[in-house]
């Protein structure tokens, strides 16, 4: 399938690896950077969401999404593990749950861009998972340097999860290197990690912004 991601914010907090270990399936090894775990909260807007060979349609193929994620590895291949994925499309949520058993949730979401500032709000329809934030780029764009923390957190080309029978799988993706900009953000409300029973540290997150990223994804592969 194809997707295009717009006005994406990477907000990352360091998290003790012991906190993460009990919340990630044992089949996946935590991927740490110098012994440190990380959790990311990633709001963005998607367009061009469509299976291969099927034209993207307005409304069905365009909606906001908000991810809560950490980092794992299997057989030396680094990837992403999602604690939750909130989306403004009930159809997309249902499809992702049926096809991939991913923890998708329907949310009431609004995204507005005023000049360079993105105003983003999301409230999960079931449960108390909310994000109200404003964010904006704050510098020039560049691709993350290999070996840097920014590279570790963003340059990942698969996700890992388990199917309904608890069997682990990998879903491969591909896109160009991330064009990242430093960013600023104000979080008026943020309970996204709380909903996954993870307490964020009382510190400013590491912030990066990307205006656009085009990607493709393949079907899941059991591992």
N, C-alpha and C. Protein backbone atom coordinates (compact mmCIF):
# COMPACT_ATOMS: atom_id res chain seq x y z
N UNK A 1 0.84 -1.19 0.00
CA UNK A 1 0.00 0.00 0.00
C UNK A 1 0.87 1.24 0.00
N UNK A 2 0.25 2.37 -0.22
CA UNK A 2 0.95 3.65 -0.21
C UNK A 2 0.38 4.55 0.89
N UNK A 3 1.20 5.45 1.38
CA UNK A 3 0.78 6.50 2.31
C UNK A 3 1.69 7.70 2.11
N UNK A 4 1.15 8.89 2.34
CA UNK A 4 1.96 10.11 2.40
C UNK A 4 1.68 10.77 3.74
N UNK A 5 2.75 11.05 4.48
CA UNK A 5 2.63 11.65 5.81
C UNK A 5 2.98 13.13 5.73
N UNK A 6 2.14 13.98 6.35
CA UNK A 6 2.31 15.42 6.31
C UNK A 6 2.43 16.01 7.71
N UNK A 7 3.24 17.07 7.83
CA UNK A 7 3.35 17.86 9.06
C UNK A 7 3.49 16.97 10.29
N UNK A 8 4.52 16.15 10.24
CA UNK A 8 4.75 15.14 11.29
C UNK A 8 5.67 15.69 12.36
N UNK A 9 5.31 15.41 13.61
CA UNK A 9 6.15 15.75 14.76
C UNK A 9 6.65 14.48 15.42
N UNK A 10 7.95 14.36 15.59
CA UNK A 10 8.53 13.34 16.45
C UNK A 10 8.79 13.98 17.82
N UNK A 11 8.09 13.52 18.84
CA UNK A 11 8.36 13.96 20.22
C UNK A 11 8.83 12.74 21.00
N UNK A 12 10.06 12.77 21.47
CA UNK A 12 10.66 11.60 22.12
C UNK A 12 11.09 11.90 23.55
N UNK A 13 10.82 10.92 24.42
CA UNK A 13 11.25 10.99 25.82
C UNK A 13 12.06 9.75 26.16
N UNK A 14 13.14 9.90 26.93
CA UNK A 14 13.86 8.71 27.40
C UNK A 14 13.04 7.98 28.47
N UNK A 15 13.04 6.65 28.40
CA UNK A 15 12.27 5.81 29.32
C UNK A 15 13.16 4.67 29.77
N UNK A 16 13.10 4.35 31.05
CA UNK A 16 13.88 3.24 31.59
C UNK A 16 13.50 1.94 30.88
N UNK A 17 14.49 1.18 30.49
CA UNK A 17 14.24 -0.05 29.75
C UNK A 17 13.38 -1.03 30.55
N UNK A 18 13.53 -1.06 31.85
CA UNK A 18 12.72 -1.95 32.68
C UNK A 18 11.24 -1.62 32.61
N UNK A 19 10.92 -0.33 32.46
CA UNK A 19 9.53 0.08 32.32
C UNK A 19 8.94 -0.46 31.03
N UNK A 20 9.74 -0.45 29.97
CA UNK A 20 9.25 -0.90 28.67
C UNK A 20 9.17 -2.41 28.55
N UNK A 21 10.09 -3.12 29.19
CA UNK A 21 10.21 -4.56 28.96
C UNK A 21 8.91 -5.32 29.22
N UNK A 22 8.20 -4.98 30.29
CA UNK A 22 6.98 -5.69 30.62
C UNK A 22 5.80 -5.33 29.74
N UNK A 23 5.97 -4.34 28.86
CA UNK A 23 4.86 -3.88 28.02
C UNK A 23 5.06 -4.24 26.55
N UNK A 24 6.16 -4.89 26.24
CA UNK A 24 6.48 -5.29 24.86
C UNK A 24 6.56 -6.81 24.82
N UNK A 25 5.95 -7.47 23.82
CA UNK A 25 6.01 -8.93 23.75
C UNK A 25 7.43 -9.47 23.82
N UNK A 26 7.59 -10.60 24.50
CA UNK A 26 8.91 -11.17 24.73
C UNK A 26 9.63 -11.53 23.44
N UNK A 27 8.89 -11.73 22.34
CA UNK A 27 9.52 -12.08 21.07
C UNK A 27 10.38 -10.96 20.51
N UNK A 28 10.20 -9.74 21.02
CA UNK A 28 10.91 -8.58 20.49
C UNK A 28 11.92 -8.07 21.51
N UNK A 29 13.16 -7.97 21.09
CA UNK A 29 14.22 -7.42 21.95
C UNK A 29 14.12 -5.90 21.94
N UNK A 30 14.17 -5.30 23.11
CA UNK A 30 14.18 -3.83 23.16
C UNK A 30 15.42 -3.31 22.45
N UNK A 31 15.24 -2.28 21.64
CA UNK A 31 16.37 -1.64 20.97
C UNK A 31 16.70 -0.38 21.75
N UNK A 32 17.87 -0.37 22.39
CA UNK A 32 18.27 0.71 23.27
C UNK A 32 19.40 1.51 22.63
N UNK A 33 19.47 2.77 22.98
CA UNK A 33 20.57 3.63 22.54
C UNK A 33 21.43 3.96 23.75
N UNK A 34 22.61 3.39 23.79
CA UNK A 34 23.52 3.55 24.93
C UNK A 34 22.80 3.17 26.23
N UNK A 35 22.05 2.06 26.18
CA UNK A 35 21.37 1.54 27.35
C UNK A 35 20.07 2.21 27.70
N UNK A 36 19.67 3.17 26.88
CA UNK A 36 18.48 3.97 27.18
C UNK A 36 17.32 3.62 26.25
N UNK A 37 16.13 3.38 26.82
CA UNK A 37 14.94 3.19 26.02
C UNK A 37 14.31 4.53 25.68
N UNK A 38 13.48 4.52 24.63
CA UNK A 38 12.81 5.74 24.19
C UNK A 38 11.36 5.45 23.85
N UNK A 39 10.51 6.43 24.10
CA UNK A 39 9.13 6.37 23.67
C UNK A 39 8.83 7.61 22.84
N UNK A 40 8.13 7.41 21.73
CA UNK A 40 7.80 8.51 20.84
C UNK A 40 6.31 8.72 20.74
N UNK A 41 5.89 9.97 20.70
CA UNK A 41 4.52 10.35 20.40
C UNK A 41 4.57 11.14 19.10
N UNK A 42 3.83 10.65 18.10
CA UNK A 42 4.03 11.12 16.73
C UNK A 42 2.68 11.48 16.09
N UNK A 43 2.30 12.76 16.08
CA UNK A 43 1.10 13.19 15.36
C UNK A 43 1.42 13.61 13.94
N UNK A 44 0.50 13.34 13.02
CA UNK A 44 0.68 13.74 11.63
C UNK A 44 -0.66 13.62 10.90
N UNK A 45 -0.66 13.95 9.61
CA UNK A 45 -1.85 13.82 8.77
C UNK A 45 -1.48 12.98 7.56
N UNK A 46 -2.36 12.04 7.19
CA UNK A 46 -2.06 11.13 6.10
C UNK A 46 -2.94 11.42 4.88
N UNK A 47 -2.35 11.28 3.71
CA UNK A 47 -3.10 11.26 2.45
C UNK A 47 -2.58 10.08 1.63
N UNK A 48 -3.22 9.84 0.49
CA UNK A 48 -2.76 8.79 -0.43
C UNK A 48 -2.73 7.42 0.22
N UNK A 49 -3.65 7.18 1.18
CA UNK A 49 -3.71 5.88 1.86
C UNK A 49 -4.52 4.94 0.98
N UNK A 50 -3.85 3.96 0.38
CA UNK A 50 -4.55 3.12 -0.59
C UNK A 50 -3.78 1.83 -0.84
N UNK A 51 -4.49 0.71 -1.01
CA UNK A 51 -3.81 -0.52 -1.45
C UNK A 51 -3.23 -0.33 -2.85
N UNK A 52 -2.23 -1.12 -3.15
CA UNK A 52 -1.58 -1.05 -4.45
C UNK A 52 -2.60 -1.28 -5.57
N UNK A 53 -2.58 -0.40 -6.56
CA UNK A 53 -3.45 -0.55 -7.70
C UNK A 53 -4.85 0.02 -7.52
N UNK A 54 -5.12 0.55 -6.33
CA UNK A 54 -6.44 1.13 -6.06
C UNK A 54 -6.27 2.63 -5.92
N UNK A 55 -7.05 3.46 -6.64
CA UNK A 55 -6.88 4.90 -6.53
C UNK A 55 -7.23 5.40 -5.14
N UNK A 56 -6.47 6.40 -4.67
CA UNK A 56 -6.79 7.05 -3.40
C UNK A 56 -8.06 7.88 -3.57
N UNK A 57 -8.95 7.79 -2.59
CA UNK A 57 -10.22 8.48 -2.65
C UNK A 57 -10.31 9.51 -1.54
N UNK A 58 -10.89 10.69 -1.81
CA UNK A 58 -11.07 11.69 -0.75
C UNK A 58 -11.85 11.09 0.42
N UNK A 59 -11.60 11.60 1.61
CA UNK A 59 -12.21 11.16 2.88
C UNK A 59 -11.68 9.79 3.29
N UNK A 60 -11.86 8.77 2.46
CA UNK A 60 -11.41 7.43 2.80
C UNK A 60 -9.89 7.37 2.92
N UNK A 61 -9.19 8.11 2.07
CA UNK A 61 -7.73 8.01 1.99
C UNK A 61 -7.00 9.16 2.67
N UNK A 62 -7.72 10.03 3.39
CA UNK A 62 -7.12 11.19 4.04
C UNK A 62 -7.66 11.32 5.46
N UNK A 63 -6.77 11.28 6.44
CA UNK A 63 -7.20 11.43 7.83
C UNK A 63 -5.98 11.62 8.74
N UNK A 64 -6.17 12.18 9.93
CA UNK A 64 -5.07 12.33 10.89
C UNK A 64 -4.75 10.98 11.54
N UNK A 65 -3.51 10.87 12.01
CA UNK A 65 -3.10 9.70 12.80
C UNK A 65 -2.15 10.16 13.90
N UNK A 66 -2.13 9.40 14.98
CA UNK A 66 -1.32 9.74 16.16
C UNK A 66 -0.81 8.44 16.76
N UNK A 67 0.51 8.30 16.81
CA UNK A 67 1.13 7.05 17.26
C UNK A 67 1.86 7.22 18.58
N UNK A 68 1.84 6.15 19.36
CA UNK A 68 2.70 6.03 20.55
C UNK A 68 3.56 4.79 20.32
N UNK A 69 4.88 4.95 20.35
CA UNK A 69 5.76 3.89 19.87
C UNK A 69 7.03 3.79 20.70
N UNK A 70 7.66 2.62 20.60
CA UNK A 70 9.00 2.43 21.11
C UNK A 70 9.78 1.63 20.07
N UNK A 71 10.99 1.18 20.42
CA UNK A 71 11.89 0.61 19.43
C UNK A 71 12.37 -0.77 19.85
N UNK A 72 12.31 -1.69 18.89
CA UNK A 72 12.67 -3.09 19.14
C UNK A 72 13.51 -3.59 17.97
N UNK A 73 14.04 -4.78 18.15
CA UNK A 73 14.83 -5.40 17.08
C UNK A 73 14.62 -6.90 17.11
N UNK A 74 14.66 -7.52 15.94
CA UNK A 74 14.57 -8.98 15.82
C UNK A 74 15.63 -9.42 14.82
N UNK A 75 16.50 -10.32 15.24
CA UNK A 75 17.54 -10.81 14.34
C UNK A 75 18.45 -9.71 13.82
N UNK A 76 18.64 -8.66 14.61
CA UNK A 76 19.50 -7.56 14.21
C UNK A 76 18.83 -6.55 13.30
N UNK A 77 17.54 -6.71 13.02
CA UNK A 77 16.83 -5.77 12.16
C UNK A 77 15.99 -4.84 13.03
N UNK A 78 16.34 -3.55 13.13
CA UNK A 78 15.62 -2.63 14.00
C UNK A 78 14.26 -2.26 13.41
N UNK A 79 13.30 -2.01 14.30
CA UNK A 79 11.97 -1.62 13.87
C UNK A 79 11.22 -0.87 14.96
N UNK A 80 9.94 -0.70 14.73
CA UNK A 80 9.07 0.06 15.62
C UNK A 80 8.03 -0.88 16.22
N UNK A 81 7.74 -0.68 17.50
CA UNK A 81 6.62 -1.37 18.16
C UNK A 81 5.63 -0.31 18.62
N UNK A 82 4.37 -0.46 18.25
CA UNK A 82 3.35 0.53 18.59
C UNK A 82 2.55 0.10 19.81
N UNK A 83 2.46 1.01 20.77
CA UNK A 83 1.53 0.82 21.88
C UNK A 83 0.12 1.22 21.47
N UNK A 84 -0.01 2.21 20.61
CA UNK A 84 -1.32 2.61 20.13
C UNK A 84 -1.17 3.41 18.84
N UNK A 85 -2.24 3.37 18.04
CA UNK A 85 -2.34 4.18 16.83
C UNK A 85 -3.76 4.73 16.79
N UNK A 86 -3.92 6.01 17.00
CA UNK A 86 -5.24 6.65 16.93
C UNK A 86 -5.42 7.23 15.54
N UNK A 87 -6.62 7.10 14.99
CA UNK A 87 -6.87 7.60 13.64
C UNK A 87 -8.25 8.23 13.57
N UNK A 88 -8.38 9.20 12.66
CA UNK A 88 -9.65 9.89 12.46
C UNK A 88 -10.56 9.19 11.49
N UNK A 89 -10.25 7.95 11.13
CA UNK A 89 -11.05 7.17 10.18
C UNK A 89 -11.45 5.85 10.82
N UNK A 90 -12.73 5.68 11.07
CA UNK A 90 -13.21 4.42 11.66
C UNK A 90 -12.97 3.25 10.71
N UNK A 91 -13.06 3.49 9.40
CA UNK A 91 -12.82 2.44 8.42
C UNK A 91 -11.38 1.96 8.46
N UNK A 92 -10.43 2.90 8.54
CA UNK A 92 -9.02 2.53 8.61
C UNK A 92 -8.71 1.77 9.89
N UNK A 93 -9.32 2.19 10.99
CA UNK A 93 -9.12 1.50 12.27
C UNK A 93 -9.60 0.06 12.18
N UNK A 94 -10.79 -0.14 11.64
CA UNK A 94 -11.34 -1.49 11.53
C UNK A 94 -10.48 -2.36 10.64
N UNK A 95 -10.04 -1.82 9.50
CA UNK A 95 -9.22 -2.60 8.58
C UNK A 95 -7.89 -3.00 9.20
N UNK A 96 -7.23 -2.07 9.90
CA UNK A 96 -5.93 -2.37 10.50
C UNK A 96 -6.06 -3.40 11.62
N UNK A 97 -7.13 -3.33 12.36
CA UNK A 97 -7.34 -4.32 13.43
C UNK A 97 -7.59 -5.71 12.85
N UNK A 98 -8.40 -5.79 11.79
CA UNK A 98 -8.71 -7.09 11.19
C UNK A 98 -7.48 -7.67 10.50
N UNK A 99 -6.78 -6.86 9.70
CA UNK A 99 -5.68 -7.37 8.89
C UNK A 99 -4.40 -7.61 9.67
N UNK A 100 -4.12 -6.74 10.64
CA UNK A 100 -2.81 -6.77 11.29
C UNK A 100 -2.86 -6.89 12.82
N UNK A 101 -4.05 -6.88 13.40
CA UNK A 101 -4.19 -6.93 14.86
C UNK A 101 -3.45 -5.78 15.55
N UNK A 102 -3.29 -4.66 14.84
CA UNK A 102 -2.60 -3.51 15.41
C UNK A 102 -3.54 -2.77 16.38
N UNK A 103 -2.99 -2.16 17.43
CA UNK A 103 -3.81 -1.49 18.45
C UNK A 103 -4.30 -0.11 17.98
N UNK A 104 -5.14 -0.12 16.95
CA UNK A 104 -5.73 1.10 16.41
C UNK A 104 -6.97 1.49 17.20
N UNK A 105 -7.20 2.80 17.34
CA UNK A 105 -8.36 3.33 18.03
C UNK A 105 -8.95 4.48 17.23
N UNK A 106 -10.27 4.55 17.19
CA UNK A 106 -10.93 5.68 16.54
C UNK A 106 -10.90 6.88 17.47
N UNK A 107 -10.58 8.05 16.92
CA UNK A 107 -10.49 9.27 17.72
C UNK A 107 -11.15 10.42 16.98
N UNK A 108 -11.61 11.39 17.75
CA UNK A 108 -12.06 12.66 17.18
C UNK A 108 -10.83 13.56 17.07
N UNK A 109 -10.49 13.96 15.84
CA UNK A 109 -9.22 14.63 15.60
C UNK A 109 -9.42 15.85 14.72
N UNK A 110 -8.63 16.87 15.01
CA UNK A 110 -8.63 18.08 14.20
C UNK A 110 -7.19 18.54 13.99
N UNK A 111 -6.87 18.88 12.76
CA UNK A 111 -5.54 19.38 12.43
C UNK A 111 -5.70 20.65 11.61
N UNK A 112 -5.02 21.70 12.06
CA UNK A 112 -5.07 22.98 11.36
C UNK A 112 -3.66 23.53 11.26
N UNK A 113 -3.30 23.99 10.07
CA UNK A 113 -1.98 24.62 9.90
C UNK A 113 -2.20 26.10 9.68
N UNK A 114 -1.57 26.93 10.53
CA UNK A 114 -1.62 28.38 10.42
C UNK A 114 -0.19 28.86 10.21
N UNK A 115 0.11 29.31 9.01
CA UNK A 115 1.48 29.64 8.64
C UNK A 115 2.33 28.39 8.83
N UNK A 116 3.36 28.42 9.66
CA UNK A 116 4.19 27.24 9.86
C UNK A 116 3.80 26.44 11.10
N UNK A 117 2.78 26.89 11.82
CA UNK A 117 2.37 26.22 13.06
C UNK A 117 1.24 25.24 12.81
N UNK A 118 1.37 24.04 13.38
CA UNK A 118 0.34 23.02 13.29
C UNK A 118 -0.40 22.95 14.63
N UNK A 119 -1.71 23.09 14.56
CA UNK A 119 -2.55 22.94 15.75
C UNK A 119 -3.23 21.58 15.66
N UNK A 120 -2.96 20.75 16.65
CA UNK A 120 -3.37 19.35 16.57
C UNK A 120 -4.14 18.96 17.83
N UNK A 121 -5.30 18.35 17.65
CA UNK A 121 -6.06 17.86 18.81
C UNK A 121 -6.63 16.49 18.49
N UNK A 122 -6.61 15.61 19.49
CA UNK A 122 -7.11 14.25 19.33
C UNK A 122 -7.67 13.78 20.65
N UNK A 123 -8.85 13.16 20.61
CA UNK A 123 -9.46 12.57 21.79
C UNK A 123 -10.02 11.20 21.41
N UNK A 124 -9.47 10.16 21.99
CA UNK A 124 -9.91 8.80 21.70
C UNK A 124 -11.38 8.64 22.13
N UNK A 125 -12.16 7.99 21.30
CA UNK A 125 -13.59 7.87 21.58
C UNK A 125 -13.90 6.92 22.71
N UNK A 126 -12.99 5.98 22.96
CA UNK A 126 -13.13 5.07 24.10
C UNK A 126 -11.86 5.13 24.93
N UNK A 127 -11.99 5.60 26.16
CA UNK A 127 -10.82 5.73 27.01
C UNK A 127 -10.35 7.17 27.11
N UNK A 128 -9.33 7.37 27.91
CA UNK A 128 -8.83 8.72 28.17
C UNK A 128 -7.44 8.89 27.56
N UNK A 129 -7.43 9.02 26.27
CA UNK A 129 -6.17 9.26 25.56
C UNK A 129 -6.37 10.51 24.72
N UNK A 130 -5.69 11.59 25.11
CA UNK A 130 -5.88 12.88 24.45
C UNK A 130 -4.54 13.54 24.16
N UNK A 131 -4.55 14.32 23.11
CA UNK A 131 -3.41 15.18 22.80
C UNK A 131 -3.93 16.50 22.28
N UNK A 132 -3.51 17.59 22.90
CA UNK A 132 -3.76 18.93 22.39
C UNK A 132 -2.40 19.62 22.35
N UNK A 133 -1.96 19.98 21.14
CA UNK A 133 -0.61 20.50 20.99
C UNK A 133 -0.54 21.48 19.83
N UNK A 134 0.45 22.35 19.91
CA UNK A 134 0.86 23.18 18.78
C UNK A 134 2.34 22.94 18.55
N UNK A 135 2.71 22.78 17.28
CA UNK A 135 4.13 22.56 16.99
C UNK A 135 4.49 23.19 15.65
N UNK A 136 5.79 23.41 15.48
CA UNK A 136 6.26 24.10 14.28
C UNK A 136 7.74 23.78 14.06
N UNK A 137 8.20 23.84 12.81
CA UNK A 137 9.63 23.69 12.55
C UNK A 137 10.40 24.89 13.09
N UNK A 138 11.67 24.65 13.43
CA UNK A 138 12.47 25.73 14.03
C UNK A 138 13.88 25.77 13.49
N UNK A 139 14.04 25.37 12.22
CA UNK A 139 15.38 25.39 11.65
C UNK A 139 15.39 24.69 10.31
N UNK A 140 16.54 24.65 9.66
CA UNK A 140 16.64 24.04 8.33
C UNK A 140 16.49 22.53 8.37
N UNK A 141 16.18 21.96 7.21
CA UNK A 141 15.97 20.52 7.08
C UNK A 141 17.26 19.82 6.70
N UNK A 142 17.45 18.61 7.26
CA UNK A 142 18.59 17.79 6.88
C UNK A 142 18.27 16.34 7.22
N UNK A 143 18.95 15.42 6.56
CA UNK A 143 18.79 14.00 6.87
C UNK A 143 19.66 13.65 8.08
N UNK A 144 19.17 12.79 8.98
CA UNK A 144 19.95 12.47 10.18
C UNK A 144 21.23 11.72 9.83
N UNK A 145 22.28 12.04 10.54
CA UNK A 145 23.57 11.40 10.31
C UNK A 145 23.57 9.98 10.86
N UNK A 146 24.12 9.06 10.09
CA UNK A 146 24.22 7.67 10.55
C UNK A 146 24.97 7.63 11.88
N UNK A 147 24.41 6.91 12.84
CA UNK A 147 25.01 6.80 14.16
C UNK A 147 24.51 7.82 15.16
N UNK A 148 23.76 8.83 14.69
CA UNK A 148 23.23 9.84 15.60
C UNK A 148 21.97 9.33 16.30
N UNK A 149 21.60 9.98 17.39
CA UNK A 149 20.36 9.63 18.08
C UNK A 149 19.16 9.85 17.17
N UNK A 150 19.18 10.93 16.38
CA UNK A 150 18.08 11.20 15.46
C UNK A 150 17.92 10.05 14.45
N UNK A 151 19.02 9.52 13.97
CA UNK A 151 18.98 8.39 13.05
C UNK A 151 18.39 7.17 13.74
N UNK A 152 18.83 6.90 14.94
CA UNK A 152 18.33 5.76 15.72
C UNK A 152 16.81 5.83 15.90
N UNK A 153 16.29 7.01 16.17
CA UNK A 153 14.87 7.17 16.48
C UNK A 153 13.98 7.20 15.25
N UNK A 154 14.49 7.54 14.10
CA UNK A 154 13.62 7.78 12.95
C UNK A 154 13.85 6.86 11.76
N UNK A 155 15.09 6.47 11.51
CA UNK A 155 15.37 5.69 10.30
C UNK A 155 15.14 4.20 10.56
N UNK A 156 13.85 3.82 10.53
CA UNK A 156 13.44 2.45 10.78
C UNK A 156 12.46 2.04 9.70
N UNK A 157 12.66 0.83 9.19
CA UNK A 157 11.96 0.45 7.97
C UNK A 157 11.11 -0.81 8.13
N UNK A 158 10.62 -1.03 9.33
CA UNK A 158 9.63 -2.07 9.56
C UNK A 158 8.97 -1.84 10.90
N UNK A 159 7.80 -2.46 11.07
CA UNK A 159 7.14 -2.49 12.37
C UNK A 159 7.01 -3.94 12.79
N UNK A 160 6.96 -4.15 14.10
CA UNK A 160 6.78 -5.49 14.66
C UNK A 160 5.52 -5.51 15.52
N UNK A 161 4.77 -6.61 15.40
CA UNK A 161 3.63 -6.81 16.28
C UNK A 161 3.32 -8.30 16.31
N UNK A 162 2.22 -8.67 16.98
CA UNK A 162 1.80 -10.07 17.04
C UNK A 162 0.39 -10.19 16.46
N UNK A 163 0.09 -11.34 15.86
CA UNK A 163 -1.23 -11.55 15.31
C UNK A 163 -2.19 -11.98 16.42
N UNK A 164 -3.41 -12.33 16.06
CA UNK A 164 -4.43 -12.67 17.05
C UNK A 164 -4.11 -13.94 17.84
N UNK A 165 -3.21 -14.74 17.31
CA UNK A 165 -2.79 -15.96 18.01
C UNK A 165 -1.50 -15.74 18.79
N UNK A 166 -1.05 -14.49 18.85
CA UNK A 166 0.15 -14.17 19.61
C UNK A 166 1.44 -14.45 18.88
N UNK A 167 1.36 -14.70 17.57
CA UNK A 167 2.57 -15.01 16.79
C UNK A 167 3.20 -13.72 16.27
N UNK A 168 4.50 -13.56 16.42
CA UNK A 168 5.15 -12.30 16.00
C UNK A 168 5.26 -12.20 14.48
N UNK A 169 5.16 -10.98 13.98
CA UNK A 169 5.34 -10.75 12.56
C UNK A 169 6.05 -9.42 12.34
N UNK A 170 6.54 -9.26 11.10
CA UNK A 170 7.20 -8.05 10.66
C UNK A 170 6.44 -7.49 9.47
N UNK A 171 6.29 -6.17 9.41
CA UNK A 171 5.70 -5.50 8.25
C UNK A 171 6.72 -4.49 7.74
N UNK A 172 7.20 -4.74 6.52
CA UNK A 172 8.25 -3.90 5.94
C UNK A 172 7.66 -2.63 5.32
N UNK A 173 8.40 -1.53 5.45
CA UNK A 173 8.06 -0.28 4.78
C UNK A 173 9.30 0.27 4.08
N UNK A 174 9.08 1.23 3.21
CA UNK A 174 10.23 1.90 2.57
C UNK A 174 9.87 3.35 2.30
N UNK A 175 10.84 4.21 2.50
CA UNK A 175 10.70 5.63 2.17
C UNK A 175 12.09 6.24 2.06
N UNK A 176 12.21 7.43 1.46
CA UNK A 176 13.51 8.11 1.43
C UNK A 176 13.96 8.47 2.85
N UNK A 177 15.24 8.80 3.05
CA UNK A 177 15.69 9.26 4.36
C UNK A 177 14.85 10.44 4.84
N UNK A 178 14.62 10.48 6.13
CA UNK A 178 13.78 11.54 6.69
C UNK A 178 14.39 12.92 6.50
N UNK A 179 13.63 13.89 5.97
CA UNK A 179 14.06 15.30 6.01
C UNK A 179 13.59 15.90 7.34
N UNK A 180 14.49 16.01 8.29
CA UNK A 180 14.13 16.44 9.64
C UNK A 180 14.52 17.88 9.89
N UNK A 181 13.67 18.59 10.60
CA UNK A 181 13.97 19.94 11.09
C UNK A 181 13.85 19.95 12.62
N UNK A 182 14.68 20.73 13.30
CA UNK A 182 14.41 20.93 14.73
C UNK A 182 13.03 21.55 14.88
N UNK A 183 12.41 21.37 16.03
CA UNK A 183 11.03 21.82 16.20
C UNK A 183 10.81 22.40 17.59
N UNK A 184 9.74 23.15 17.70
CA UNK A 184 9.22 23.60 18.99
C UNK A 184 7.82 23.04 19.14
N UNK A 185 7.39 22.83 20.38
CA UNK A 185 6.06 22.29 20.62
C UNK A 185 5.56 22.71 21.99
N UNK A 186 4.28 22.95 22.08
CA UNK A 186 3.60 23.21 23.35
C UNK A 186 2.49 22.17 23.50
N UNK A 187 2.55 21.41 24.58
CA UNK A 187 1.55 20.39 24.85
C UNK A 187 0.60 20.90 25.92
N UNK A 188 -0.61 21.24 25.50
CA UNK A 188 -1.63 21.68 26.46
C UNK A 188 -2.18 20.49 27.23
N UNK A 189 -2.33 19.38 26.55
CA UNK A 189 -2.77 18.13 27.19
C UNK A 189 -2.13 16.97 26.46
N UNK A 190 -1.64 15.99 27.23
CA UNK A 190 -0.99 14.84 26.63
C UNK A 190 -1.12 13.65 27.58
N UNK A 191 -2.09 12.80 27.31
CA UNK A 191 -2.28 11.58 28.11
C UNK A 191 -2.09 10.33 27.26
N UNK A 192 -1.41 10.45 26.15
CA UNK A 192 -1.26 9.33 25.23
C UNK A 192 -0.42 8.20 25.84
N UNK A 193 0.68 8.53 26.49
CA UNK A 193 1.49 7.50 27.13
C UNK A 193 0.79 6.96 28.37
N UNK A 194 0.09 7.82 29.10
CA UNK A 194 -0.66 7.37 30.27
C UNK A 194 -1.62 6.25 29.90
N UNK A 195 -2.26 6.36 28.74
CA UNK A 195 -3.22 5.35 28.30
C UNK A 195 -2.56 3.99 28.10
N UNK A 196 -1.25 3.98 27.88
CA UNK A 196 -0.49 2.74 27.76
C UNK A 196 0.19 2.37 29.09
N UNK A 197 -0.22 3.05 30.17
CA UNK A 197 0.33 2.83 31.51
C UNK A 197 1.83 3.11 31.56
N UNK A 198 2.24 4.15 30.85
CA UNK A 198 3.63 4.59 30.85
C UNK A 198 3.66 6.06 31.28
N UNK A 199 4.42 6.36 32.30
CA UNK A 199 4.55 7.74 32.79
C UNK A 199 5.74 8.40 32.11
N UNK A 200 5.50 9.49 31.42
CA UNK A 200 6.59 10.22 30.79
C UNK A 200 7.40 10.97 31.84
N UNK A 201 8.70 11.07 31.65
CA UNK A 201 9.52 11.83 32.61
C UNK A 201 9.18 13.32 32.54
N UNK A 202 9.41 13.99 33.64
CA UNK A 202 9.12 15.43 33.72
C UNK A 202 10.28 16.21 33.12
N UNK A 203 10.33 16.21 31.82
CA UNK A 203 11.40 16.91 31.11
C UNK A 203 10.92 17.22 29.70
N UNK A 204 11.61 18.15 29.05
CA UNK A 204 11.26 18.50 27.68
C UNK A 204 11.62 17.36 26.73
N UNK A 205 10.75 17.03 25.79
CA UNK A 205 11.08 15.99 24.83
C UNK A 205 12.06 16.46 23.77
N UNK A 206 12.66 15.51 23.10
CA UNK A 206 13.46 15.78 21.91
C UNK A 206 12.50 15.91 20.74
N UNK A 207 12.57 17.02 20.00
CA UNK A 207 11.55 17.35 19.00
C UNK A 207 12.15 17.46 17.60
N UNK A 208 11.46 16.85 16.64
CA UNK A 208 11.81 16.98 15.22
C UNK A 208 10.53 17.09 14.39
N UNK A 209 10.63 17.82 13.30
CA UNK A 209 9.49 18.06 12.42
C UNK A 209 9.85 17.61 11.01
N UNK A 210 8.85 17.08 10.29
CA UNK A 210 9.04 16.76 8.87
C UNK A 210 7.79 17.19 8.11
N UNK A 211 7.99 17.93 7.03
CA UNK A 211 6.86 18.45 6.27
C UNK A 211 6.15 17.35 5.50
N UNK A 212 6.91 16.43 4.91
CA UNK A 212 6.29 15.39 4.08
C UNK A 212 7.19 14.17 3.97
N UNK A 213 6.55 13.01 3.97
CA UNK A 213 7.27 11.77 3.70
C UNK A 213 6.34 10.83 2.93
N UNK A 214 6.81 10.33 1.79
CA UNK A 214 6.07 9.35 0.99
C UNK A 214 6.60 7.96 1.29
N UNK A 215 5.69 7.00 1.48
CA UNK A 215 6.14 5.66 1.83
C UNK A 215 5.29 4.60 1.14
N UNK A 216 5.85 3.40 1.11
CA UNK A 216 5.12 2.22 0.65
C UNK A 216 5.29 1.13 1.70
N UNK A 217 4.32 0.23 1.78
CA UNK A 217 4.36 -0.86 2.75
C UNK A 217 3.98 -2.17 2.08
N UNK A 218 4.51 -3.26 2.60
CA UNK A 218 4.21 -4.60 2.09
C UNK A 218 3.37 -5.37 3.11
N UNK A 219 2.93 -6.55 2.74
CA UNK A 219 2.17 -7.38 3.67
C UNK A 219 3.03 -7.92 4.78
N UNK A 220 2.38 -8.47 5.82
CA UNK A 220 3.12 -8.93 6.99
C UNK A 220 3.85 -10.25 6.70
N UNK A 221 4.95 -10.44 7.38
CA UNK A 221 5.80 -11.64 7.26
C UNK A 221 5.95 -12.24 8.64
N UNK A 222 5.55 -13.48 8.84
CA UNK A 222 5.69 -14.13 10.14
C UNK A 222 7.18 -14.37 10.43
N UNK A 223 7.57 -14.23 11.68
CA UNK A 223 8.98 -14.40 12.07
C UNK A 223 9.12 -15.38 13.22
